[in-house]
Amino acid sequence: MDRKNLVLVGGGGHCKSVIEVAESAGYSIAGILDVPEEIGKKVLAYTVIGSDEDIQRYADSALFLVTVGHIKDPALRIRLHEKIRATGGQLATLIAPTAHVSKYARIGSGSVIMHQAMVNADAQIGQGCIINTFANIEHDVVIEDYCHVSTGAMVNGNCLVGAGTFLGSQSVVVNGVSVEQGCVIGAGSLVRKNIRIKGIYSGNPAILKMKL
């Protein structure tokens, strides 16, 4: 298997951002898998070469990266990861060359660290996460599986962000705070206290708007 040969799964807007990161990190993109009606179409310079039913065809020749976005729910990303693993496929871990990832940090398989992001010492990023452009993950933070830390968001030291959580652009989680699994934190919100109820939160300070 060519460790630099990459198949992207999902052809939307997030895919376009990941293409640029993958190119700059030295990957060769073999193509994109998307819904059947998109086969043959182009996403930037790359062709949609099949659907997720074709994952098996590429399992021995390429790594995979799921490029479906996540705002409210990571369920589709999780399903695609499971499908890739069930075929014996392997997931890439993609780090932009302009990102800073401490040598003491740990990054899970299938995660992508976008341009200008910071992942500091002893941080742990789970599987299938999106750490987006200019996001800051400070020391001793745990970001559990299938989280999306959006553009410019900041997670300060010693925080725990539960699996499947979405942190909106420029949201801030203050030191030592825990966020329950599956939450949505609105853009620009300030999380000052532990969040123990799964829901949608926004504001400064962030308050519960809707239970999920």
Protein backbone atom coordinates (compact mmCIF):
# COMPACT_ATOMS: atom_id res chain seq x y z
CA MET A 1 0.00 0.00 0.00
CA ASP A 2 1.20 3.49 -0.85
CA ARG A 3 0.94 5.37 2.43
CA LYS A 4 0.68 8.66 0.53
CA ASN A 5 -2.18 7.55 -1.73
CA LEU A 6 -5.46 8.91 -0.39
CA VAL A 7 -9.15 8.38 -1.14
CA LEU A 8 -11.51 11.00 0.27
CA VAL A 9 -15.01 9.98 1.32
CA GLY A 10 -17.50 12.84 0.98
CA GLY A 11 -17.40 15.54 -1.67
CA GLY A 12 -18.83 18.67 -0.02
CA GLY A 13 -17.32 21.88 1.28
CA HIS A 14 -15.23 20.22 3.98
CA CYS A 15 -13.73 18.00 1.30
CA LYS A 16 -12.45 21.08 -0.56
CA SER A 17 -10.65 22.32 2.55
CA VAL A 18 -9.16 18.89 3.20
CA ILE A 19 -7.94 18.60 -0.41
CA GLU A 20 -5.75 21.66 0.05
CA VAL A 21 -4.37 20.31 3.34
CA ALA A 22 -3.70 16.88 1.81
CA GLU A 23 -1.91 18.37 -1.18
CA SER A 24 0.28 20.56 1.01
CA ALA A 25 1.09 17.55 3.22
CA GLY A 26 2.38 15.62 0.19
CA TYR A 27 -0.49 13.20 -0.39
CA SER A 28 -1.56 11.98 -3.81
CA ILE A 29 -5.37 12.04 -4.00
CA ALA A 30 -6.66 9.07 -5.97
CA GLY A 31 -10.20 10.42 -6.04
CA ILE A 32 -13.37 11.01 -4.06
CA LEU A 33 -16.24 8.73 -3.08
CA ASP A 34 -19.65 10.40 -2.76
CA VAL A 35 -23.31 9.65 -3.44
CA PRO A 36 -23.96 7.77 -6.72
CA GLU A 37 -25.48 10.78 -8.53
CA GLU A 38 -22.19 12.69 -8.10
CA ILE A 39 -20.01 10.04 -9.79
CA GLY A 40 -18.00 11.54 -12.64
CA LYS A 41 -18.25 15.09 -11.36
CA LYS A 42 -15.28 17.14 -10.18
CA VAL A 43 -14.47 18.53 -6.75
CA LEU A 44 -11.75 21.07 -7.43
CA ALA A 45 -9.21 19.09 -9.51
CA TYR A 46 -10.40 15.63 -8.47
CA THR A 47 -13.03 13.27 -9.83
CA VAL A 48 -15.74 11.50 -7.88
CA ILE A 49 -14.71 7.94 -8.72
CA GLY A 50 -17.45 6.05 -6.89
CA SER A 51 -19.74 5.86 -3.90
CA ASP A 52 -19.19 4.44 -0.43
CA GLU A 53 -20.21 1.08 -1.91
CA ASP A 54 -16.83 1.13 -3.67
CA ILE A 55 -14.71 1.43 -0.52
CA GLN A 56 -13.68 -2.23 -0.79
CA ARG A 57 -12.13 -1.61 -4.23
CA TYR A 58 -9.56 0.78 -2.80
CA ALA A 59 -8.94 -0.81 0.60
CA ASP A 60 -5.67 -2.43 -0.49
CA SER A 61 -4.26 0.46 -2.49
CA ALA A 62 -4.96 3.63 -0.53
CA LEU A 63 -5.64 5.19 2.83
CA PHE A 64 -9.04 6.76 3.48
CA LEU A 65 -10.09 10.03 5.02
CA VAL A 66 -13.75 10.81 5.70
CA THR A 67 -14.39 14.34 4.44
CA VAL A 68 -18.05 14.62 5.37
CA GLY A 69 -18.49 17.61 7.66
CA HIS A 70 -20.02 17.61 11.14
CA ILE A 71 -22.08 20.35 12.73
CA LYS A 72 -24.98 18.89 14.70
CA ASP A 73 -24.40 15.17 14.41
CA PRO A 74 -21.35 13.01 13.58
CA ALA A 75 -23.46 9.91 12.81
CA LEU A 76 -22.63 9.80 9.09
CA ARG A 77 -18.91 10.22 9.75
CA ILE A 78 -19.06 7.39 12.28
CA ARG A 79 -20.95 5.12 9.87
CA LEU A 80 -18.42 5.71 7.12
CA HIS A 81 -15.49 5.02 9.45
CA GLU A 82 -17.11 1.76 10.49
CA LYS A 83 -17.65 0.81 6.84
CA ILE A 84 -14.02 1.51 5.99
CA ARG A 85 -12.78 -0.60 8.89
CA ALA A 86 -15.18 -3.43 8.04
CA THR A 87 -13.55 -3.73 4.59
CA GLY A 88 -10.06 -3.82 6.10
CA GLY A 89 -9.36 -0.27 4.96
CA GLN A 90 -7.05 2.00 6.90
CA LEU A 91 -7.69 5.60 7.92
CA ALA A 92 -5.19 8.38 7.39
CA THR A 93 -4.30 10.93 10.06
CA LEU A 94 -3.82 14.24 8.26
CA ILE A 95 -1.85 17.15 9.72
CA ALA A 96 -1.40 20.38 7.76
CA PRO A 97 2.23 21.47 7.48
CA THR A 98 1.29 24.89 8.84
CA ALA A 99 -0.29 23.40 11.98
CA HIS A 100 1.72 23.04 15.15
CA VAL A 101 1.24 19.67 16.84
CA SER A 102 3.40 19.03 19.87
CA LYS A 103 5.52 15.89 19.75
CA TYR A 104 3.92 15.11 23.12
CA ALA A 105 0.37 15.23 21.73
CA ARG A 106 -1.56 12.19 20.49
CA ILE A 107 -3.79 12.26 17.40
CA GLY A 108 -6.27 9.47 16.64
CA SER A 109 -6.75 7.77 13.30
CA GLY A 110 -9.03 9.45 10.78
CA SER A 111 -8.55 12.89 12.34
CA VAL A 112 -7.52 16.00 10.44
CA ILE A 113 -5.61 18.99 11.85
CA MET A 114 -6.18 21.94 9.52
CA HIS A 115 -3.96 24.89 8.64
CA GLN A 116 -2.64 27.09 11.47
CA ALA A 117 -4.21 24.94 14.19
CA MET A 118 -2.33 24.43 17.48
CA VAL A 119 -2.35 21.17 19.45
CA ASN A 120 -0.19 21.66 22.51
CA ALA A 121 1.76 19.34 24.82
CA ASP A 122 0.02 16.27 26.24
CA ALA A 123 -3.23 16.97 24.42
CA GLN A 124 -5.17 13.94 23.21
CA ILE A 125 -7.27 14.09 20.05
CA GLY A 126 -9.54 11.09 19.49
CA GLN A 127 -10.47 9.26 16.32
CA GLY A 128 -12.31 10.94 13.47
CA CYS A 129 -11.97 14.49 14.79
CA ILE A 130 -11.84 17.75 12.84
CA ILE A 131 -9.53 20.37 14.35
CA ASN A 132 -10.26 23.23 12.02
CA THR A 133 -8.31 26.24 10.81
CA PHE A 134 -6.77 28.37 13.60
CA ALA A 135 -8.28 26.19 16.36
CA ASN A 136 -6.23 26.08 19.57
CA ILE A 137 -6.12 22.92 21.69
CA GLU A 138 -4.08 23.65 24.79
CA HIS A 139 -2.02 21.40 27.08
CA ASP A 140 -3.61 18.39 28.78
CA VAL A 141 -6.87 18.69 26.85
CA VAL A 142 -8.80 15.57 25.89
CA ILE A 143 -10.92 15.83 22.75
CA GLU A 144 -12.86 12.58 22.50
CA ASP A 145 -13.78 10.75 19.28
CA TYR A 146 -15.69 12.44 16.44
CA CYS A 147 -15.56 15.99 17.72
CA HIS A 148 -15.39 19.04 15.47
CA VAL A 149 -13.48 22.00 16.89
CA SER A 150 -14.37 24.71 14.41
CA THR A 151 -12.42 27.64 13.00
CA GLY A 152 -10.71 29.78 15.61
CA ALA A 153 -12.19 27.91 18.58
CA MET A 154 -10.08 27.72 21.73
CA VAL A 155 -10.02 24.89 24.27
CA ASN A 156 -7.88 25.87 27.23
CA GLY A 157 -5.76 23.63 29.41
CA ASN A 158 -7.06 20.56 31.25
CA CYS A 159 -10.46 20.51 29.51
CA LEU A 160 -12.44 17.45 28.45
CA VAL A 161 -14.66 17.67 25.37
CA GLY A 162 -17.01 14.70 25.13
CA ALA A 163 -17.35 12.52 22.04
CA GLY A 164 -19.34 13.87 19.10
CA THR A 165 -19.35 17.47 20.32
CA PHE A 166 -19.28 20.45 17.96
CA LEU A 167 -17.55 23.65 19.10
CA GLY A 168 -18.54 26.58 16.90
CA SER A 169 -16.19 29.14 15.41
CA GLN A 170 -14.38 31.31 17.97
CA SER A 171 -16.04 29.58 20.91
CA VAL A 172 -13.91 29.36 24.06
CA VAL A 173 -13.83 26.67 26.73
CA VAL A 174 -12.07 27.96 29.85
CA ASN A 175 -9.48 26.01 31.82
CA GLY A 176 -10.50 22.78 33.49
CA VAL A 177 -14.04 22.61 32.10
CA SER A 178 -15.76 19.40 30.94
CA VAL A 179 -18.36 19.30 28.14
CA GLU A 180 -20.86 16.44 27.93
CA GLN A 181 -20.87 14.16 24.87
CA GLY A 182 -22.83 15.18 21.79
CA CYS A 183 -23.23 18.87 22.59
CA VAL A 184 -23.37 21.77 20.15
CA ILE A 185 -21.65 24.96 21.32
CA GLY A 186 -22.61 28.00 19.25
CA ALA A 187 -20.14 30.28 17.51
CA GLY A 188 -18.57 32.87 19.79
CA SER A 189 -19.86 31.25 22.99
CA LEU A 190 -17.91 31.19 26.25
CA VAL A 191 -18.12 27.95 28.23
CA ARG A 192 -17.18 28.86 31.80
CA LYS A 193 -18.67 25.95 33.75
CA ASN A 194 -18.98 22.21 33.29
CA ILE A 195 -21.71 21.15 30.87
CA ARG A 196 -23.43 17.99 32.11
CA ILE A 197 -26.61 17.95 29.97
CA LYS A 198 -26.45 17.08 26.28
CA GLY A 199 -27.81 20.01 24.32
CA ILE A 200 -27.30 23.14 22.25
CA TYR A 201 -25.57 25.97 24.13
CA SER A 202 -24.77 29.53 23.19
CA GLY A 203 -23.95 32.93 24.65
CA ASN A 204 -21.51 34.49 27.11
CA PRO A 205 -21.68 32.65 29.38
CA ALA A 206 -22.97 29.70 27.34
CA ILE A 207 -26.41 28.57 28.48
CA LEU A 208 -28.62 25.66 27.46
CA LYS A 209 -30.96 26.55 24.59
CA MET A 210 -32.28 23.08 23.77
CA LYS A 211 -31.79 19.56 25.09
CA LEU A 212 -30.71 16.95 22.57
